[in-house]
Amino acid sequence: MKTILILASLALILNCTQNKKVDSLPLNNIHKKPRESYITNTEARKKFVEIFQSPQITKNIKLFYSAMWKLGDEYPEEMLIQIHKAALLGDYGQTLTATKERQYKVRAVEIIRPYLDKKFESEIGLDRIITFNEFYYHSRNYLGQLSFGESINKKGGEGDFSIGVGASMHALSLDQDNKCKEAQHFAKKSRNAWFSTTKESRKTLNTNPFYIAALAITGKRKEAQKLFNNELKKTDDWKLLKRWYSQFNPKYLQCSFQAH
């Protein structure tokens, strides 16, 4: 990914940050509201959109994190900005040592946790999806993230990103324990989610580490290794995220050698 799969939510729905008129959307289309529409302060909303629309910023995780952190300090009352601030803090931790990554993710979860009890406009609204998706991801509760995505889909929302990430990460943990039958089950869930979501173009999938790992574990090891070597390694953030990306390398996934 050219940015750090946040979004994981945050690569999560970058293309939802568009200048649309959304005030008149009916409730059953609430999930189509762009993320910035949940920011009440006009000036804060404008600055938020400017950050997301700047490739110079979004392609550099350190700049992205710094810009959002500064905006969060400027507008502490804006929940959605605080969630993005926390998410990018956790994502930036992935560029550091494993110890630092854990520390940054703990802090990210601390920032997000108070918002979980907020009364959201809709259970499938983008503000709620981003909040819970980031909470589950940075707290490493991948089964929770998967279940959350499935519940969102059942309610008519867009939960495929949460399923794709959560199922892939859980499959990786099962792979480490050599529980290959279970790992393949969850990896298949991840693959299906990435294929069904309209947010992922073919090019984006080819540099999606969660998809690459799921592909390998479900029996497409050679194809996955080719994507890892020829696509993912050529992305803008490869050097920064080399340590973190290594967990998705098919040659280290023992279940990828056992899949049929």
Protein backbone atom coordinates (compact mmCIF):
# COMPACT_ATOMS: atom_id res chain seq x y z
CA MET A 1 0.00 0.00 0.00
CA LYS A 2 1.27 3.44 -0.72
CA THR A 3 0.03 4.66 2.60
CA ILE A 4 0.15 2.34 5.54
CA LEU A 5 -3.00 0.35 5.18
CA ILE A 6 -4.57 2.11 7.85
CA LEU A 7 -7.02 2.33 7.95
CA ALA A 8 -6.21 -0.55 8.33
CA SER A 9 -8.95 1.88 8.63
CA LEU A 10 -7.36 4.32 7.20
CA ALA A 11 -6.33 3.06 3.93
CA LEU A 12 -9.71 1.96 5.04
CA ILE A 13 -11.81 4.35 3.11
CA LEU A 14 -9.57 7.07 1.74
CA ASN A 15 -11.78 7.41 -1.30
CA CYS A 16 -14.69 8.34 0.96
CA THR A 17 -13.03 11.67 1.66
CA GLN A 18 -14.70 13.61 -1.09
CA ASN A 19 -16.48 16.91 -1.27
CA LYS A 20 -20.11 15.77 -1.42
CA LYS A 21 -23.32 17.28 -0.15
CA VAL A 22 -24.52 14.74 2.39
CA ASP A 23 -26.94 16.53 4.70
CA SER A 24 -29.98 15.17 2.89
CA LEU A 25 -28.92 11.50 2.79
CA PRO A 26 -31.61 9.17 4.19
CA LEU A 27 -30.64 7.07 7.21
CA ASN A 28 -30.41 3.84 5.20
CA ASN A 29 -27.64 5.49 3.15
CA ILE A 30 -25.80 6.77 6.20
CA HIS A 31 -22.77 4.59 5.44
CA LYS A 32 -22.24 6.61 2.25
CA LYS A 33 -21.52 9.81 4.14
CA PRO A 34 -17.87 10.81 3.67
CA ARG A 35 -15.82 10.74 6.81
CA GLU A 36 -15.24 14.48 7.04
CA SER A 37 -19.00 15.09 7.28
CA TYR A 38 -18.82 13.90 10.90
CA ILE A 39 -16.56 16.84 11.82
CA THR A 40 -18.70 19.70 13.11
CA ASN A 41 -16.18 22.56 13.07
CA THR A 42 -15.98 23.99 9.55
CA GLU A 43 -12.34 25.03 9.78
CA ALA A 44 -11.35 21.67 11.27
CA ARG A 45 -13.19 19.86 8.48
CA LYS A 46 -11.39 21.92 5.85
CA LYS A 47 -7.96 21.19 7.35
CA PHE A 48 -8.81 17.49 7.68
CA VAL A 49 -9.74 17.23 4.01
CA GLU A 50 -6.60 19.13 2.98
CA ILE A 51 -4.45 16.57 4.82
CA PHE A 52 -6.16 13.61 3.14
CA GLN A 53 -6.02 15.23 -0.28
CA SER A 54 -2.26 15.87 -0.09
CA PRO A 55 -0.27 12.97 -1.59
CA GLN A 56 2.92 14.49 -0.18
CA ILE A 57 1.50 13.94 3.30
CA THR A 58 -0.45 10.68 2.94
CA LYS A 59 2.44 8.86 1.21
CA ASN A 60 4.73 9.58 4.15
CA ILE A 61 3.43 7.98 7.34
CA LYS A 62 5.57 10.21 9.56
CA LEU A 63 4.22 13.38 7.95
CA PHE A 64 0.70 11.94 7.97
CA TYR A 65 0.91 11.09 11.66
CA SER A 66 2.46 14.46 12.55
CA ALA A 67 -0.15 16.44 10.61
CA MET A 68 -3.07 14.58 12.17
CA TRP A 69 -1.57 14.75 15.67
CA LYS A 70 -1.21 18.52 15.33
CA LEU A 71 -4.79 18.82 14.07
CA GLY A 72 -6.00 16.65 16.96
CA ASP A 73 -4.30 18.91 19.49
CA GLU A 74 -5.91 21.92 17.83
CA TYR A 75 -9.42 20.42 17.89
CA PRO A 76 -9.66 18.09 20.91
CA GLU A 77 -13.46 18.23 20.81
CA GLU A 78 -13.67 16.61 17.36
CA MET A 79 -14.05 12.87 17.91
CA LEU A 80 -13.31 11.73 14.37
CA ILE A 81 -10.06 13.69 14.29
CA GLN A 82 -9.05 12.13 17.61
CA ILE A 83 -9.74 8.65 16.23
CA HIS A 84 -7.60 9.32 13.16
CA LYS A 85 -4.90 10.80 15.35
CA ALA A 86 -4.85 7.61 17.43
CA ALA A 87 -4.98 5.32 14.38
CA LEU A 88 -2.03 7.04 12.75
CA LEU A 89 -0.11 6.90 16.02
CA GLY A 90 -0.55 3.12 16.07
CA ASP A 91 0.32 2.83 12.38
CA TYR A 92 3.41 4.97 12.80
CA GLY A 93 4.50 2.60 15.57
CA GLN A 94 4.69 -0.12 12.93
CA THR A 95 7.67 1.69 11.40
CA LEU A 96 9.60 1.45 14.68
CA THR A 97 10.93 -1.44 16.78
CA ALA A 98 8.54 -4.14 17.99
CA THR A 99 8.73 -2.74 21.54
CA LYS A 100 7.96 0.80 20.38
CA GLU A 101 5.14 -0.50 18.20
CA ARG A 102 3.47 -2.12 21.21
CA GLN A 103 3.84 1.09 23.22
CA TYR A 104 2.37 3.25 20.45
CA LYS A 105 -0.54 0.88 19.96
CA VAL A 106 -1.31 0.84 23.68
CA ARG A 107 -1.44 4.64 23.60
CA ALA A 108 -3.64 4.58 20.48
CA VAL A 109 -6.11 2.28 22.22
CA GLU A 110 -6.15 4.52 25.29
CA ILE A 111 -7.18 7.46 23.10
CA ILE A 112 -9.90 5.51 21.29
CA ARG A 113 -11.42 3.60 24.22
CA PRO A 114 -13.49 6.48 25.72
CA TYR A 115 -15.33 6.90 22.41
CA LEU A 116 -16.63 3.32 22.29
CA ASP A 117 -19.57 4.23 24.52
CA LYS A 118 -20.55 7.21 22.40
CA LYS A 119 -24.08 7.20 21.02
CA PHE A 120 -23.53 7.08 17.27
CA GLU A 121 -25.99 8.34 14.70
CA SER A 122 -26.09 4.91 13.08
CA GLU A 123 -24.61 1.47 13.79
CA ILE A 124 -23.30 1.38 10.22
CA GLY A 125 -22.13 4.99 10.04
CA LEU A 126 -18.54 5.52 8.96
CA ASP A 127 -17.67 7.24 12.23
CA ARG A 128 -18.62 4.13 14.24
CA ILE A 129 -16.96 1.74 11.77
CA ILE A 130 -13.66 3.64 11.88
CA THR A 131 -13.75 3.93 15.68
CA PHE A 132 -14.33 0.23 16.38
CA ASN A 133 -12.16 -0.98 13.51
CA GLU A 134 -9.18 0.99 14.79
CA PHE A 135 -9.84 -0.09 18.38
CA TYR A 136 -9.87 -3.79 17.49
CA TYR A 137 -6.89 -3.52 15.17
CA HIS A 138 -4.56 -1.64 17.49
CA SER A 139 -5.61 -3.71 20.51
CA ARG A 140 -4.75 -6.78 18.40
CA ASN A 141 -8.21 -8.26 18.89
CA TYR A 142 -8.41 -9.60 15.37
CA LEU A 143 -11.30 -11.99 15.98
CA GLY A 144 -13.21 -9.03 17.41
CA GLN A 145 -12.38 -7.02 14.30
CA LEU A 146 -13.58 -9.85 12.06
CA SER A 147 -16.82 -10.30 14.01
CA PHE A 148 -17.40 -6.55 13.97
CA GLY A 149 -17.05 -6.47 10.18
CA GLU A 150 -19.46 -9.37 9.77
CA SER A 151 -22.03 -7.65 12.01
CA ILE A 152 -21.73 -4.47 9.95
CA ASN A 153 -22.31 -6.39 6.71
CA LYS A 154 -25.40 -8.07 8.18
CA LYS A 155 -26.82 -4.64 8.98
CA GLY A 156 -26.25 -3.41 5.42
CA GLY A 157 -23.04 -1.49 6.03
CA GLU A 158 -19.52 -1.85 4.69
CA GLY A 159 -17.64 -4.28 6.91
CA ASP A 160 -15.42 -6.00 4.37
CA PHE A 161 -12.30 -4.04 5.29
CA SER A 162 -12.62 -5.11 8.93
CA ILE A 163 -13.15 -8.72 7.85
CA GLY A 164 -10.23 -8.63 5.42
CA VAL A 165 -7.77 -7.31 7.99
CA GLY A 166 -9.07 -9.18 11.06
CA ALA A 167 -9.34 -12.57 9.37
CA SER A 168 -5.89 -12.26 7.80
CA MET A 169 -4.20 -11.27 11.05
CA HIS A 170 -5.94 -14.08 12.95
CA ALA A 171 -4.87 -16.52 10.24
CA LEU A 172 -1.27 -15.34 10.72
CA SER A 173 -1.44 -16.07 14.46
CA LEU A 174 -2.81 -19.55 13.74
CA ASP A 175 -0.04 -20.07 11.18
CA GLN A 176 2.54 -19.33 13.88
CA ASP A 177 0.99 -22.14 15.95
CA ASN A 178 0.95 -24.44 12.90
CA LYS A 179 -2.84 -24.72 13.09
CA CYS A 180 -3.14 -24.80 9.35
CA LYS A 181 -6.69 -26.01 8.86
CA GLU A 182 -8.00 -23.18 11.02
CA ALA A 183 -5.58 -20.69 9.47
CA GLN A 184 -6.80 -21.58 5.99
CA HIS A 185 -10.41 -21.15 7.07
CA PHE A 186 -9.80 -17.58 8.24
CA ALA A 187 -7.49 -16.76 5.34
CA LYS A 188 -10.29 -17.73 2.96
CA LYS A 189 -12.62 -15.34 4.80
CA SER A 190 -10.04 -12.59 4.30
CA ARG A 191 -9.61 -13.31 0.59
CA ASN A 192 -13.36 -13.31 0.02
CA ALA A 193 -13.70 -9.99 1.83
CA TRP A 194 -11.02 -8.30 -0.27
CA PHE A 195 -12.60 -9.59 -3.45
CA SER A 196 -16.08 -8.42 -2.48
CA THR A 197 -15.19 -4.92 -1.32
CA THR A 198 -15.49 -2.20 -3.95
CA LYS A 199 -12.78 -0.20 -2.18
CA GLU A 200 -9.92 -2.32 -3.51
CA SER A 201 -8.71 -2.08 -7.10
CA ARG A 202 -6.65 -4.92 -8.52
CA LYS A 203 -3.51 -2.79 -8.25
CA THR A 204 -4.22 -2.00 -4.61
CA LEU A 205 -4.80 -5.68 -3.81
CA ASN A 206 -1.42 -6.55 -5.30
CA THR A 207 0.30 -4.42 -2.64
CA ASN A 208 -2.06 -5.31 0.22
CA PRO A 209 -0.05 -7.38 2.76
CA PHE A 210 -3.20 -8.77 4.42
CA TYR A 211 -4.42 -10.06 1.05
CA ILE A 212 -0.98 -11.43 0.13
CA ALA A 213 -0.76 -13.44 3.36
CA ALA A 214 -4.31 -14.76 2.94
CA LEU A 215 -3.53 -15.72 -0.64
CA ALA A 216 -0.45 -17.69 0.46
CA ILE A 217 -2.18 -19.53 3.31
CA THR A 218 -5.05 -20.58 1.04
CA GLY A 219 -2.73 -22.35 -1.39
CA LYS A 220 -1.50 -19.62 -3.73
CA ARG A 221 1.99 -19.37 -2.25
CA LYS A 222 3.88 -18.82 -5.51
CA GLU A 223 1.47 -16.14 -6.67
CA ALA A 224 1.61 -14.49 -3.25
CA GLN A 225 5.41 -14.59 -3.15
CA LYS A 226 5.55 -12.95 -6.55
CA LEU A 227 3.28 -10.14 -5.35
CA PHE A 228 5.35 -9.72 -2.19
CA ASN A 229 8.66 -9.56 -4.08
CA ASN A 230 7.58 -7.66 -7.19
CA GLU A 231 4.80 -5.40 -5.93
CA LEU A 232 4.87 -4.84 -2.17
CA LYS A 233 8.65 -4.35 -2.03
CA LYS A 234 8.35 -1.55 -4.59
CA THR A 235 5.86 0.55 -2.64
CA ASP A 236 6.79 3.97 -1.25
CA ASP A 237 6.74 2.83 2.37
CA TRP A 238 8.67 -0.45 2.00
CA LYS A 239 11.83 0.79 3.70
CA LEU A 240 9.92 2.28 6.61
CA LEU A 241 7.74 -0.80 7.10
CA LYS A 242 10.18 -3.55 6.16
CA ARG A 243 10.19 -5.08 9.66
CA TRP A 244 6.41 -4.99 9.96
CA TYR A 245 5.84 -6.28 6.41
CA SER A 246 8.10 -9.29 7.03
CA GLN A 247 5.33 -11.09 8.95
CA PHE A 248 3.35 -11.30 5.70
CA ASN A 249 6.19 -12.83 3.65
CA PRO A 250 4.85 -16.12 2.21
CA LYS A 251 8.20 -17.87 2.60
CA TYR A 252 7.85 -17.60 6.38
CA LEU A 253 4.24 -18.83 6.50
CA GLN A 254 4.39 -22.53 7.30
CA CYS A 255 0.76 -23.19 6.39
CA SER A 256 1.39 -21.87 2.87
CA PHE A 257 3.45 -25.00 2.22
CA GLN A 258 0.65 -27.28 3.40
CA ALA A 259 -2.31 -25.73 1.61
CA HIS A 260 -3.93 -27.62 -1.23
